[in-house]
């Protein structure tokens, strides 16, 4: 169970709406992977979260809202920095992720951090109630990112900062590996992580423009480079099944999955380093803006 919630202040998308359908599918996916998410021996989400924390330049006493908190990678790093704080709140659509986050936070001695189930695109929280909003690898999942940013803008106090992490450049060999899924993906999954290089999440300027259009000023970008390492191709497969990429596997018919893994494994052979492990690089883009 999550503790310290403000569920009455949160709103899910209207039942039966197209937006609710998208939200429900995303929540269901992350409920499915919540047990293994960030727990298969691949150091990926924590260094990305650390890069966002550094870009936000947190200070003691700040009130922090983490949208799409997952298992708490950002919260467990942010809360000790801002303590004592009036409030640190993490929201997520996935109850499974919130349950795991509660365990992580309690284990870290951060049981005072609040958690609540909510669709981060439609927050209903008091105006100007937070000093910082963080969203690591979340915004591009949302059906309407500009609407989400406007919602967040209202929740921030004057002078408050928003920090959004999205995927930047990556090892071109990684794109070749992911390309084995492309023939099976429906149009709504062909996003900036695969073929959407012309979308807003395909460049620093594109994401910065989203924040600027929402009213943020002094928008800037930093990058975090992550070496993503796997013991072997089966380790890679296990990791993909523990993240949002599981949706890509789900799009592949059962009869074709063995062939897809074989094709990916062949491409991953070119990524084996001197230590015998597979190494792929991923850049995370941290875009930060200020509410004037």
C-alpha atoms as a PDB file:
ATOM      1  CA  UNK A   1       0.000   0.000   0.000  1.00  0.00           C
ATOM      2  CA  UNK A   2       1.136   3.553  -0.636  1.00  0.00           C
ATOM      3  CA  UNK A   3       1.425   5.845   2.325  1.00  0.00           C
ATOM      4  CA  UNK A   4       0.829   9.555   2.751  1.00  0.00           C
ATOM      5  CA  UNK A   5      -1.355  10.036  -0.330  1.00  0.00           C
ATOM      6  CA  UNK A   6      -3.385  12.983  -1.533  1.00  0.00           C
ATOM      7  CA  UNK A   7      -5.678  10.904  -3.695  1.00  0.00           C
ATOM      8  CA  UNK A   8      -8.563  13.336  -3.381  1.00  0.00           C
ATOM      9  CA  UNK A   9      -6.495  15.956  -5.170  1.00  0.00           C
ATOM     10  CA  UNK A  10      -5.729  13.695  -8.121  1.00  0.00           C
ATOM     11  CA  UNK A  11      -7.789  12.982 -11.213  1.00  0.00           C
ATOM     12  CA  UNK A  12      -7.665  10.134 -13.660  1.00  0.00           C
ATOM     13  CA  UNK A  13      -8.740  10.765 -17.230  1.00  0.00           C
ATOM     14  CA  UNK A  14     -12.544  10.735 -17.676  1.00  0.00           C
ATOM     15  CA  UNK A  15     -13.747   7.149 -17.774  1.00  0.00           C
ATOM     16  CA  UNK A  16     -14.413   5.943 -21.305  1.00  0.00           C
ATOM     17  CA  UNK A  17     -12.360   8.683 -22.982  1.00  0.00           C
ATOM     18  CA  UNK A  18      -9.625   7.941 -25.511  1.00  0.00           C
ATOM     19  CA  UNK A  19      -7.161   9.499 -23.086  1.00  0.00           C
ATOM     20  CA  UNK A  20      -8.279   7.124 -20.353  1.00  0.00           C
ATOM     21  CA  UNK A  21      -7.715   4.191 -22.692  1.00  0.00           C
ATOM     22  CA  UNK A  22      -4.121   5.231 -23.363  1.00  0.00           C
ATOM     23  CA  UNK A  23      -3.515   5.846 -19.665  1.00  0.00           C
ATOM     24  CA  UNK A  24      -4.957   2.476 -18.721  1.00  0.00           C
ATOM     25  CA  UNK A  25      -2.740   0.663 -21.250  1.00  0.00           C
ATOM     26  CA  UNK A  26       0.379   2.410 -19.967  1.00  0.00           C
ATOM     27  CA  UNK A  27      -0.543   1.722 -16.344  1.00  0.00           C
ATOM     28  CA  UNK A  28      -1.224  -1.927 -17.151  1.00  0.00           C
ATOM     29  CA  UNK A  29       2.148  -2.319 -18.847  1.00  0.00           C
ATOM     30  CA  UNK A  30       4.037  -0.907 -15.895  1.00  0.00           C
ATOM     31  CA  UNK A  31       1.987  -2.908 -13.411  1.00  0.00           C
ATOM     32  CA  UNK A  32       3.166  -5.954 -15.353  1.00  0.00           C
ATOM     33  CA  UNK A  33       6.864  -5.070 -15.192  1.00  0.00           C
ATOM     34  CA  UNK A  34       6.905  -3.455 -11.741  1.00  0.00           C
ATOM     35  CA  UNK A  35       8.377  -6.454  -9.906  1.00  0.00           C
ATOM     36  CA  UNK A  36      11.431  -6.729 -12.183  1.00  0.00           C
ATOM     37  CA  UNK A  37      11.721  -3.072 -13.267  1.00  0.00           C
ATOM     38  CA  UNK A  38      15.238  -1.809 -12.514  1.00  0.00           C
ATOM     39  CA  UNK A  39      15.987  -5.094 -10.725  1.00  0.00           C
ATOM     40  CA  UNK A  40      17.708  -7.276 -13.342  1.00  0.00           C
ATOM     41  CA  UNK A  41      21.301  -6.130 -12.849  1.00  0.00           C
ATOM     42  CA  UNK A  42      21.461  -3.310 -15.419  1.00  0.00           C
ATOM     43  CA  UNK A  43      22.457   0.132 -14.114  1.00  0.00           C
ATOM     44  CA  UNK A  44      20.244   2.342 -16.254  1.00  0.00           C
ATOM     45  CA  UNK A  45      17.512   4.302 -14.486  1.00  0.00           C
ATOM     46  CA  UNK A  46      19.499   5.435 -11.452  1.00  0.00           C
ATOM     47  CA  UNK A  47      22.328   7.212 -13.344  1.00  0.00           C
ATOM     48  CA  UNK A  48      19.701   8.851 -15.548  1.00  0.00           C
ATOM     49  CA  UNK A  49      17.820  10.002 -12.443  1.00  0.00           C
ATOM     50  CA  UNK A  50      21.069  11.331 -10.958  1.00  0.00           C
ATOM     51  CA  UNK A  51      21.655  13.395 -14.092  1.00  0.00           C
ATOM     52  CA  UNK A  52      18.220  14.985 -13.770  1.00  0.00           C
ATOM     53  CA  UNK A  53      18.775  15.710 -10.073  1.00  0.00           C
ATOM     54  CA  UNK A  54      22.046  17.452 -10.906  1.00  0.00           C
ATOM     55  CA  UNK A  55      20.372  19.532 -13.632  1.00  0.00           C
ATOM     56  CA  UNK A  56      17.622  20.661 -11.231  1.00  0.00           C
ATOM     57  CA  UNK A  57      20.130  21.865  -8.601  1.00  0.00           C
ATOM     58  CA  UNK A  58      17.905  21.004  -5.644  1.00  0.00           C
ATOM     59  CA  UNK A  59      18.172  22.763  -2.299  1.00  0.00           C
ATOM     60  CA  UNK A  60      16.960  22.005   1.270  1.00  0.00           C
ATOM     61  CA  UNK A  61      13.368  22.963   1.970  1.00  0.00           C
ATOM     62  CA  UNK A  62      12.097  22.742  -1.597  1.00  0.00           C
ATOM     63  CA  UNK A  63       8.761  21.056  -2.258  1.00  0.00           C
ATOM     64  CA  UNK A  64       9.232  18.414  -4.944  1.00  0.00           C
ATOM     65  CA  UNK A  65       6.716  16.629  -7.164  1.00  0.00           C
ATOM     66  CA  UNK A  66       7.999  13.669  -9.180  1.00  0.00           C
ATOM     67  CA  UNK A  67       5.661  12.760 -12.046  1.00  0.00           C
ATOM     68  CA  UNK A  68       5.805   9.148 -13.198  1.00  0.00           C
ATOM     69  CA  UNK A  69       7.887   8.213 -10.176  1.00  0.00           C
ATOM     70  CA  UNK A  70       8.159   4.508 -11.019  1.00  0.00           C
ATOM     71  CA  UNK A  71      10.037   2.593  -8.321  1.00  0.00           C
ATOM     72  CA  UNK A  72      11.436   5.846  -6.935  1.00  0.00           C
ATOM     73  CA  UNK A  73      14.782   6.340  -8.697  1.00  0.00           C
ATOM     74  CA  UNK A  74      14.386  10.139  -8.573  1.00  0.00           C
ATOM     75  CA  UNK A  75      12.618  10.296  -5.201  1.00  0.00           C
ATOM     76  CA  UNK A  76      15.242   8.312  -3.308  1.00  0.00           C
ATOM     77  CA  UNK A  77      17.919  10.730  -4.539  1.00  0.00           C
ATOM     78  CA  UNK A  78      15.920  13.953  -4.267  1.00  0.00           C
ATOM     79  CA  UNK A  79      14.330  13.547  -0.830  1.00  0.00           C
ATOM     80  CA  UNK A  80      17.574  13.522   1.206  1.00  0.00           C
ATOM     81  CA  UNK A  81      18.728  16.688  -0.603  1.00  0.00           C
ATOM     82  CA  UNK A  82      15.596  18.762   0.037  1.00  0.00           C
ATOM     83  CA  UNK A  83      15.004  17.504   3.596  1.00  0.00           C
ATOM     84  CA  UNK A  84      13.654  19.072   5.673  1.00  0.00           C
ATOM     85  CA  UNK A  85      10.902  19.853   3.198  1.00  0.00           C
ATOM     86  CA  UNK A  86       7.218  20.614   3.556  1.00  0.00           C
ATOM     87  CA  UNK A  87       6.460  18.032   0.922  1.00  0.00           C
ATOM     88  CA  UNK A  88       7.917  15.479  -1.465  1.00  0.00           C
ATOM     89  CA  UNK A  89       5.292  13.682  -3.541  1.00  0.00           C
ATOM     90  CA  UNK A  90       5.616  11.004  -6.207  1.00  0.00           C
ATOM     91  CA  UNK A  91       2.723  10.193  -8.546  1.00  0.00           C
ATOM     92  CA  UNK A  92       2.330   7.347 -11.004  1.00  0.00           C
ATOM     93  CA  UNK A  93      -0.510   5.674 -12.878  1.00  0.00           C
ATOM     94  CA  UNK A  94       0.760   2.200 -11.980  1.00  0.00           C
ATOM     95  CA  UNK A  95      -0.234   0.914  -8.557  1.00  0.00           C
ATOM     96  CA  UNK A  96       2.387  -1.811  -8.927  1.00  0.00           C
ATOM     97  CA  UNK A  97       5.111   0.803  -9.331  1.00  0.00           C
ATOM     98  CA  UNK A  98       3.786   2.779  -6.365  1.00  0.00           C
ATOM     99  CA  UNK A  99       3.829  -0.311  -4.177  1.00  0.00           C
ATOM    100  CA  UNK A 100       7.441  -1.010  -5.137  1.00  0.00           C
ATOM    101  CA  UNK A 101       8.361   2.660  -4.615  1.00  0.00           C
ATOM    102  CA  UNK A 102       6.874   2.548  -1.126  1.00  0.00           C
ATOM    103  CA  UNK A 103       9.115  -0.415  -0.310  1.00  0.00           C
ATOM    104  CA  UNK A 104      12.196   1.324  -1.718  1.00  0.00           C
ATOM    105  CA  UNK A 105      11.518   4.572   0.134  1.00  0.00           C
ATOM    106  CA  UNK A 106      10.787   2.875   3.450  1.00  0.00           C
ATOM    107  CA  UNK A 107      13.951   0.799   3.148  1.00  0.00           C
ATOM    108  CA  UNK A 108      15.911   4.024   2.601  1.00  0.00           C
ATOM    109  CA  UNK A 109      14.379   5.608   5.704  1.00  0.00           C
ATOM    110  CA  UNK A 110      12.254   7.983   3.614  1.00  0.00           C
ATOM    111  CA  UNK A 111       8.829   6.935   4.837  1.00  0.00           C
ATOM    112  CA  UNK A 112       7.790  10.600   5.016  1.00  0.00           C
ATOM    113  CA  UNK A 113       7.766  10.863   1.209  1.00  0.00           C
ATOM    114  CA  UNK A 114       4.188  10.755  -0.116  1.00  0.00           C
ATOM    115  CA  UNK A 115       2.929   8.650  -3.005  1.00  0.00           C
ATOM    116  CA  UNK A 116      -0.349   8.791  -4.928  1.00  0.00           C
ATOM    117  CA  UNK A 117      -1.877   7.164  -7.979  1.00  0.00           C
ATOM    118  CA  UNK A 118      -2.595   9.769 -10.647  1.00  0.00           C
ATOM    119  CA  UNK A 119      -2.401  10.449 -14.349  1.00  0.00           C
ATOM    120  CA  UNK A 120       0.440  12.966 -14.516  1.00  0.00           C
ATOM    121  CA  UNK A 121      -1.089  14.628 -17.572  1.00  0.00           C
ATOM    122  CA  UNK A 122      -4.078  15.845 -15.577  1.00  0.00           C
ATOM    123  CA  UNK A 123      -2.886  16.766 -12.110  1.00  0.00           C
ATOM    124  CA  UNK A 124      -5.424  18.417  -9.850  1.00  0.00           C
ATOM    125  CA  UNK A 125      -3.254  19.913  -7.151  1.00  0.00           C
ATOM    126  CA  UNK A 126      -3.359  23.400  -5.644  1.00  0.00           C
ATOM    127  CA  UNK A 127      -1.790  26.134  -7.753  1.00  0.00           C
ATOM    128  CA  UNK A 128       1.783  27.071  -6.868  1.00  0.00           C
ATOM    129  CA  UNK A 129       2.072  24.180  -4.408  1.00  0.00           C
ATOM    130  CA  UNK A 130       5.507  22.884  -5.519  1.00  0.00           C
ATOM    131  CA  UNK A 131       8.908  24.421  -6.127  1.00  0.00           C
ATOM    132  CA  UNK A 132      10.262  21.649  -8.366  1.00  0.00           C
ATOM    133  CA  UNK A 133       8.639  19.155 -10.727  1.00  0.00           C
ATOM    134  CA  UNK A 134      10.724  16.284 -12.088  1.00  0.00           C
ATOM    135  CA  UNK A 135       9.718  13.804 -14.785  1.00  0.00           C
ATOM    136  CA  UNK A 136      12.307  11.223 -15.804  1.00  0.00           C
ATOM    137  CA  UNK A 137      11.565   9.298 -19.025  1.00  0.00           C
ATOM    138  CA  UNK A 138       7.850  10.028 -18.713  1.00  0.00           C
ATOM    139  CA  UNK A 139       6.652  12.926 -20.866  1.00  0.00           C
ATOM    140  CA  UNK A 140       7.019  11.131 -24.203  1.00  0.00           C
ATOM    141  CA  UNK A 141       4.644   8.397 -23.011  1.00  0.00           C
ATOM    142  CA  UNK A 142       1.843  10.913 -22.578  1.00  0.00           C
ATOM    143  CA  UNK A 143      -0.791  11.356 -25.290  1.00  0.00           C
ATOM    144  CA  UNK A 144      -0.614  15.162 -25.082  1.00  0.00           C
ATOM    145  CA  UNK A 145       2.753  16.432 -23.768  1.00  0.00           C
ATOM    146  CA  UNK A 146       1.906  20.142 -24.229  1.00  0.00           C
ATOM    147  CA  UNK A 147      -1.216  19.721 -22.091  1.00  0.00           C
ATOM    148  CA  UNK A 148       0.804  17.926 -19.424  1.00  0.00           C
ATOM    149  CA  UNK A 149       3.375  20.722 -19.277  1.00  0.00           C
ATOM    150  CA  UNK A 150       0.657  23.352 -18.927  1.00  0.00           C
ATOM    151  CA  UNK A 151      -0.822  21.360 -16.050  1.00  0.00           C
ATOM    152  CA  UNK A 152       2.571  21.222 -14.373  1.00  0.00           C
ATOM    153  CA  UNK A 153       3.128  24.948 -14.976  1.00  0.00           C
ATOM    154  CA  UNK A 154       0.022  25.734 -12.899  1.00  0.00           C
ATOM    155  CA  UNK A 155       1.198  23.578  -9.992  1.00  0.00           C
ATOM    156  CA  UNK A 156       4.604  25.279  -9.776  1.00  0.00           C
ATOM    157  CA  UNK A 157       5.269  28.333  -7.640  1.00  0.00           C
ATOM    158  CA  UNK A 158       6.716  31.441  -9.265  1.00  0.00           C
ATOM    159  CA  UNK A 159      10.421  30.835  -9.789  1.00  0.00           C
ATOM    160  CA  UNK A 160       9.894  27.073  -9.627  1.00  0.00           C
ATOM    161  CA  UNK A 161      11.649  24.704 -11.997  1.00  0.00           C
ATOM    162  CA  UNK A 162      10.555  21.776 -14.116  1.00  0.00           C
ATOM    163  CA  UNK A 163      13.007  19.120 -15.256  1.00  0.00           C
ATOM    164  CA  UNK A 164      12.168  16.620 -17.993  1.00  0.00           C
ATOM    165  CA  UNK A 165      14.376  13.722 -19.054  1.00  0.00           C
ATOM    166  CA  UNK A 166      13.997  12.194 -22.509  1.00  0.00           C
ATOM    167  CA  UNK A 167      16.227  10.038 -24.676  1.00  0.00           C
ATOM    168  CA  UNK A 168      18.994  11.802 -26.582  1.00  0.00           C
ATOM    169  CA  UNK A 169      21.566  10.268 -28.871  1.00  0.00           C
ATOM    170  CA  UNK A 170      22.507   6.631 -28.588  1.00  0.00           C
ATOM    171  CA  UNK A 171      24.837   4.051 -30.010  1.00  0.00           C
ATOM    172  CA  UNK A 172      23.723   3.548 -33.633  1.00  0.00           C
ATOM    173  CA  UNK A 173      24.129  -0.195 -33.096  1.00  0.00           C
ATOM    174  CA  UNK A 174      21.328   0.000 -30.547  1.00  0.00           C
ATOM    175  CA  UNK A 175      19.022   1.421 -33.202  1.00  0.00           C
ATOM    176  CA  UNK A 176      19.928  -1.551 -35.395  1.00  0.00           C
ATOM    177  CA  UNK A 177      18.984  -3.953 -32.605  1.00  0.00           C
ATOM    178  CA  UNK A 178      15.653  -2.241 -31.966  1.00  0.00           C
ATOM    179  CA  UNK A 179      14.936  -2.249 -35.687  1.00  0.00           C
ATOM    180  CA  UNK A 180      14.139  -5.978 -35.487  1.00  0.00           C
ATOM    181  CA  UNK A 181      10.871  -4.970 -33.794  1.00  0.00           C
ATOM    182  CA  UNK A 182       9.888  -2.260 -36.261  1.00  0.00           C
ATOM    183  CA  UNK A 183       7.909  -4.429 -38.729  1.00  0.00           C
ATOM    184  CA  UNK A 184       5.610  -5.498 -35.895  1.00  0.00           C
ATOM    185  CA  UNK A 185       4.972  -2.146 -34.220  1.00  0.00           C
ATOM    186  CA  UNK A 186       1.620  -0.362 -34.596  1.00  0.00           C
ATOM    187  CA  UNK A 187       1.722   3.301 -35.686  1.00  0.00           C
ATOM    188  CA  UNK A 188       1.277   4.632 -32.152  1.00  0.00           C
ATOM    189  CA  UNK A 189       4.471   2.879 -31.040  1.00  0.00           C
ATOM    190  CA  UNK A 190       6.646   4.284 -33.820  1.00  0.00           C
ATOM    191  CA  UNK A 191       7.702   7.132 -31.562  1.00  0.00           C
ATOM    192  CA  UNK A 192      10.965   9.100 -31.016  1.00  0.00           C
ATOM    193  CA  UNK A 193      12.633   6.079 -29.426  1.00  0.00           C
ATOM    194  CA  UNK A 194      12.447   4.342 -32.811  1.00  0.00           C
ATOM    195  CA  UNK A 195      11.568   6.315 -35.950  1.00  0.00           C
ATOM    196  CA  UNK A 196      10.266   9.644 -34.674  1.00  0.00           C
ATOM    197  CA  UNK A 197      13.422  11.640 -35.316  1.00  0.00           C
ATOM    198  CA  UNK A 198      11.380  14.584 -36.599  1.00  0.00           C
ATOM    199  CA  UNK A 199       9.117  14.742 -33.526  1.00  0.00           C
ATOM    200  CA  UNK A 200       9.663  17.053 -30.550  1.00  0.00           C
ATOM    201  CA  UNK A 201      11.581  14.400 -28.628  1.00  0.00           C
ATOM    202  CA  UNK A 202      13.991  13.874 -31.504  1.00  0.00           C
ATOM    203  CA  UNK A 203      16.209  16.845 -30.604  1.00  0.00           C
ATOM    204  CA  UNK A 204      17.235  19.212 -27.814  1.00  0.00           C
ATOM    205  CA  UNK A 205      15.552  22.105 -29.639  1.00  0.00           C
ATOM    206  CA  UNK A 206      12.321  20.137 -29.968  1.00  0.00           C
ATOM    207  CA  UNK A 207      11.978  19.449 -26.237  1.00  0.00           C
ATOM    208  CA  UNK A 208      13.048  22.969 -25.333  1.00  0.00           C
ATOM    209  CA  UNK A 209      10.332  24.305 -27.644  1.00  0.00           C
ATOM    210  CA  UNK A 210       7.728  22.254 -25.761  1.00  0.00           C
ATOM    211  CA  UNK A 211       8.728  23.852 -22.458  1.00  0.00           C
ATOM    212  CA  UNK A 212       8.885  27.338 -23.950  1.00  0.00           C
ATOM    213  CA  UNK A 213       5.413  26.978 -25.470  1.00  0.00           C
ATOM    214  CA  UNK A 214       4.073  25.984 -22.038  1.00  0.00           C
ATOM    215  CA  UNK A 215       5.362  29.286 -20.590  1.00  0.00           C
ATOM    216  CA  UNK A 216       8.711  28.291 -19.110  1.00  0.00           C
ATOM    217  CA  UNK A 217      11.728  30.566 -19.478  1.00  0.00           C
ATOM    218  CA  UNK A 218      15.506  30.130 -19.198  1.00  0.00           C
ATOM    219  CA  UNK A 219      15.057  26.709 -20.797  1.00  0.00           C
ATOM    220  CA  UNK A 220      18.308  24.785 -21.073  1.00  0.00           C
ATOM    221  CA  UNK A 221      19.559  21.272 -21.717  1.00  0.00           C
ATOM    222  CA  UNK A 222      22.272  19.065 -20.269  1.00  0.00           C
ATOM    223  CA  UNK A 223      23.118  15.475 -21.094  1.00  0.00           C
ATOM    224  CA  UNK A 224      23.942  12.316 -19.171  1.00  0.00           C
ATOM    225  CA  UNK A 225      25.853   9.545 -20.937  1.00  0.00           C
ATOM    226  CA  UNK A 226      25.158   6.034 -19.704  1.00  0.00           C
ATOM    227  CA  UNK A 227      27.119   2.879 -20.514  1.00  0.00           C
ATOM    228  CA  UNK A 228      24.481   0.144 -20.560  1.00  0.00           C
ATOM    229  CA  UNK A 229      26.023  -3.278 -20.061  1.00  0.00           C
ATOM    230  CA  UNK A 230      24.586  -6.792 -20.383  1.00  0.00           C
ATOM    231  CA  UNK A 231      26.215 -10.102 -19.507  1.00  0.00           C
ATOM    232  CA  UNK A 232      24.912 -11.692 -22.709  1.00  0.00           C
ATOM    233  CA  UNK A 233      22.008 -11.570 -25.154  1.00  0.00           C
ATOM    234  CA  UNK A 234      19.660 -13.349 -22.745  1.00  0.00           C
ATOM    235  CA  UNK A 235      20.426 -10.681 -20.148  1.00  0.00           C
ATOM    236  CA  UNK A 236      19.528  -8.059 -22.769  1.00  0.00           C
ATOM    237  CA  UNK A 237      16.203  -9.823 -23.434  1.00  0.00           C
ATOM    238  CA  UNK A 238      15.425 -10.049 -19.725  1.00  0.00           C
ATOM    239  CA  UNK A 239      16.098  -6.339 -19.323  1.00  0.00           C
ATOM    240  CA  UNK A 240      13.877  -5.364 -22.254  1.00  0.00           C
ATOM    241  CA  UNK A 241      11.081  -7.462 -20.769  1.00  0.00           C
ATOM    242  CA  UNK A 242      11.438  -5.570 -17.470  1.00  0.00           C
ATOM    243  CA  UNK A 243      10.989  -2.084 -18.992  1.00  0.00           C
ATOM    244  CA  UNK A 244       8.547  -0.259 -21.228  1.00  0.00           C
ATOM    245  CA  UNK A 245      10.158  -2.070 -24.147  1.00  0.00           C
ATOM    246  CA  UNK A 246       8.071  -5.068 -23.126  1.00  0.00           C
ATOM    247  CA  UNK A 247       5.309  -3.465 -25.188  1.00  0.00           C
ATOM    248  CA  UNK A 248       7.487  -4.005 -28.256  1.00  0.00           C
ATOM    249  CA  UNK A 249       7.811  -7.708 -27.447  1.00  0.00           C
ATOM    250  CA  UNK A 250       4.058  -7.861 -26.915  1.00  0.00           C
ATOM    251  CA  UNK A 251       3.549  -6.539 -30.438  1.00  0.00           C
ATOM    252  CA  UNK A 252       5.458  -9.500 -31.890  1.00  0.00           C
ATOM    253  CA  UNK A 253       3.342 -12.635 -32.514  1.00  0.00           C
ATOM    254  CA  UNK A 254       4.376 -15.531 -30.296  1.00  0.00           C
ATOM    255  CA  UNK A 255       5.402 -17.570 -33.331  1.00  0.00           C
ATOM    256  CA  UNK A 256       7.889 -14.877 -34.409  1.00  0.00           C
ATOM    257  CA  UNK A 257       9.532 -14.042 -31.082  1.00  0.00           C
ATOM    258  CA  UNK A 258      12.285 -16.631 -31.344  1.00  0.00           C
ATOM    259  CA  UNK A 259      13.279 -15.291 -34.759  1.00  0.00           C
ATOM    260  CA  UNK A 260      13.240 -11.722 -33.451  1.00  0.00           C
ATOM    261  CA  UNK A 261      15.513 -12.640 -30.551  1.00  0.00           C
ATOM    262  CA  UNK A 262      17.873 -14.494 -32.898  1.00  0.00           C
ATOM    263  CA  UNK A 263      18.079 -11.461 -35.193  1.00  0.00           C
ATOM    264  CA  UNK A 264      18.711  -9.142 -32.246  1.00  0.00           C
ATOM    265  CA  UNK A 265      21.335 -11.493 -30.808  1.00  0.00           C
ATOM    266  CA  UNK A 266      23.225 -11.514 -34.086  1.00  0.00           C
ATOM    267  CA  UNK A 267      23.358  -7.715 -34.070  1.00  0.00           C
ATOM    268  CA  UNK A 268      24.385  -7.614 -30.416  1.00  0.00           C
ATOM    269  CA  UNK A 269      27.466  -9.731 -31.199  1.00  0.00           C
ATOM    270  CA  UNK A 270      29.035  -6.563 -32.648  1.00  0.00           C
ATOM    271  CA  UNK A 271      28.600  -4.846 -29.266  1.00  0.00           C
ATOM    272  CA  UNK A 272      30.700  -7.222 -27.146  1.00  0.00           C
ATOM    273  CA  UNK A 273      33.603  -5.452 -25.445  1.00  0.00           C
ATOM    274  CA  UNK A 274      37.017  -6.732 -24.300  1.00  0.00           C
ATOM    275  CA  UNK A 275      35.432  -7.811 -21.001  1.00  0.00           C
ATOM    276  CA  UNK A 276      33.108 -10.180 -22.841  1.00  0.00           C
ATOM    277  CA  UNK A 277      30.022  -8.140 -21.968  1.00  0.00           C
ATOM    278  CA  UNK A 278      27.674  -6.325 -24.321  1.00  0.00           C
ATOM    279  CA  UNK A 279      28.062  -2.547 -24.105  1.00  0.00           C
ATOM    280  CA  UNK A 280      25.692   0.018 -25.597  1.00  0.00           C
ATOM    281  CA  UNK A 281      25.679   3.749 -24.930  1.00  0.00           C
ATOM    282  CA  UNK A 282      22.608   5.874 -24.295  1.00  0.00           C
ATOM    283  CA  UNK A 283      22.436   9.620 -23.819  1.00  0.00           C
ATOM    284  CA  UNK A 284      19.722  11.086 -21.597  1.00  0.00           C
ATOM    285  CA  UNK A 285      18.574  14.636 -22.305  1.00  0.00           C
ATOM    286  CA  UNK A 286      17.736  16.769 -19.244  1.00  0.00           C
ATOM    287  CA  UNK A 287      15.624  19.789 -20.178  1.00  0.00           C
ATOM    288  CA  UNK A 288      15.013  22.326 -17.403  1.00  0.00           C
ATOM    289  CA  UNK A 289      12.857  25.447 -17.397  1.00  0.00           C
ATOM    290  CA  UNK A 290      11.729  28.066 -14.880  1.00  0.00           C
ATOM    291  CA  UNK A 291       8.260  29.461 -14.212  1.00  0.00           C
ATOM    292  CA  UNK A 292       8.518  33.270 -14.431  1.00  0.00           C
END
